[in-house]
Amino acid sequence: MPELHINDTGASLVCLIREDNAALNIGTATSLYIHYKKPDSTTGSWSASLYTDGSDGKMFYETAASSDLNIAGWWELQPAFTLGAWSGRAETKEFEVLANL
């Protein structure tokens, strides 16, 4: 992922869903969301989409508003979805948003 800065738009925040160390096919998953926690502990979620056809286990959110990434520091992302009878969240990942001049 390239460097991300405050107010960046058009950035793809991609989450990989794994099971037993392999990509989980999420092609039939529904209710895709990416939950986030900002450096100030504010939380929220974005509606997510499959990155390809889902066989690669990836879902993503593309930052659309300059307010999406509005605080510098370390953010946490956690994908959530429904797959068959299972509904829940997957592994959390961190990324850094850098300050602008």
Protein backbone atom coordinates (compact mmCIF):
# COMPACT_ATOMS: atom_id res chain seq x y z
CA MET A 1 0.00 0.00 0.00
CA PRO A 2 1.40 3.44 -0.85
CA GLU A 3 1.83 6.06 1.85
CA LEU A 4 -1.47 7.47 3.02
CA HIS A 5 -1.88 11.06 4.15
CA ILE A 6 -4.64 13.01 5.87
CA ASN A 7 -7.51 13.77 3.46
CA ASP A 8 -6.33 11.33 0.74
CA THR A 9 -9.15 10.18 -1.54
CA GLY A 10 -9.18 7.31 -4.01
CA ALA A 11 -7.04 5.12 -1.73
CA SER A 12 -8.01 1.43 -1.64
CA LEU A 13 -8.02 -0.01 1.87
CA VAL A 14 -7.79 -3.75 1.21
CA CYS A 15 -8.37 -6.49 3.79
CA LEU A 16 -7.37 -10.12 3.20
CA ILE A 17 -9.55 -12.76 4.86
CA ARG A 18 -7.64 -15.92 5.72
CA GLU A 19 -8.54 -19.29 7.16
CA ASP A 20 -5.82 -21.80 8.06
CA ASN A 21 -3.20 -19.45 6.53
CA ALA A 22 -4.88 -19.45 3.11
CA ALA A 23 -7.17 -16.93 1.44
CA LEU A 24 -10.82 -17.67 2.21
CA ASN A 25 -13.16 -17.58 -0.78
CA ILE A 26 -15.67 -14.85 0.15
CA GLY A 27 -17.29 -14.72 -3.29
CA THR A 28 -20.75 -15.44 -1.87
CA ALA A 29 -20.34 -13.27 1.23
CA THR A 30 -22.92 -10.60 2.03
CA SER A 31 -23.05 -7.61 4.38
CA LEU A 32 -19.43 -6.63 3.76
CA TYR A 33 -18.12 -3.90 6.07
CA ILE A 34 -14.75 -2.63 7.18
CA HIS A 35 -14.80 -1.40 10.76
CA TYR A 36 -12.16 1.13 11.75
CA LYS A 37 -10.63 2.61 14.87
CA LYS A 38 -8.91 5.97 14.51
CA PRO A 39 -5.82 7.01 16.51
CA ASP A 40 -8.13 9.01 18.84
CA SER A 41 -10.16 5.78 19.51
CA THR A 42 -13.16 6.97 17.47
CA THR A 43 -14.77 3.98 15.73
CA GLY A 44 -17.01 3.53 12.72
CA SER A 45 -17.48 1.43 9.60
CA TRP A 46 -17.56 1.68 5.84
CA SER A 47 -19.56 -0.47 3.45
CA ALA A 48 -17.05 -2.65 1.58
CA SER A 49 -16.92 -4.43 -1.78
CA LEU A 50 -15.18 -7.53 -3.08
CA TYR A 51 -11.75 -6.65 -4.48
CA THR A 52 -12.12 -9.14 -7.37
CA ASP A 53 -14.56 -12.05 -7.48
CA GLY A 54 -13.91 -12.94 -3.84
CA SER A 55 -11.85 -16.07 -4.51
CA ASP A 56 -8.74 -14.15 -3.41
CA GLY A 57 -10.27 -13.46 0.01
CA LYS A 58 -10.04 -9.68 -0.42
CA MET A 59 -12.55 -6.95 0.30
CA PHE A 60 -11.91 -3.22 0.12
CA TYR A 61 -13.14 0.29 0.70
CA GLU A 62 -11.99 3.16 -1.49
CA THR A 63 -11.72 6.44 0.36
CA ALA A 64 -14.25 8.77 -1.23
CA ALA A 65 -14.41 11.81 1.04
CA SER A 66 -11.48 13.86 2.29
CA SER A 67 -12.91 13.31 5.79
CA ASP A 68 -12.42 9.51 5.57
CA LEU A 69 -8.76 9.69 6.63
CA ASN A 70 -8.84 12.81 8.78
CA ILE A 71 -6.43 12.03 11.63
CA ALA A 72 -2.70 11.24 11.46
CA GLY A 73 -1.44 8.16 13.27
CA TRP A 74 -2.04 4.42 13.41
CA TRP A 75 -5.49 3.20 12.38
CA GLU A 76 -6.98 -0.29 12.83
CA LEU A 77 -9.20 -2.03 10.29
CA GLN A 78 -11.34 -5.11 10.86
CA PRO A 79 -13.40 -6.67 8.06
CA ALA A 80 -16.85 -8.08 8.82
CA PHE A 81 -19.18 -10.14 6.63
CA THR A 82 -21.72 -12.93 6.45
CA LEU A 83 -20.79 -16.18 4.72
CA GLY A 84 -23.45 -18.88 4.74
CA ALA A 85 -24.65 -19.37 8.32
CA TRP A 86 -21.54 -17.63 9.74
CA SER A 87 -21.49 -13.92 10.47
CA GLY A 88 -18.66 -12.09 12.20
CA ARG A 89 -15.38 -10.26 11.99
CA ALA A 90 -11.95 -11.27 10.76
CA GLU A 91 -8.38 -10.39 11.73
CA THR A 92 -7.53 -6.77 12.55
CA LYS A 93 -4.79 -4.97 10.64
CA GLU A 94 -3.06 -1.63 11.21
CA PHE A 95 -1.92 1.09 8.86
CA GLU A 96 -0.50 4.57 9.27
CA VAL A 97 -1.94 7.85 8.04
CA LEU A 98 0.74 10.53 7.76
CA ALA A 99 0.33 14.24 8.48
CA ASN A 100 0.56 16.86 5.75
CA LEU A 101 2.71 20.00 5.89
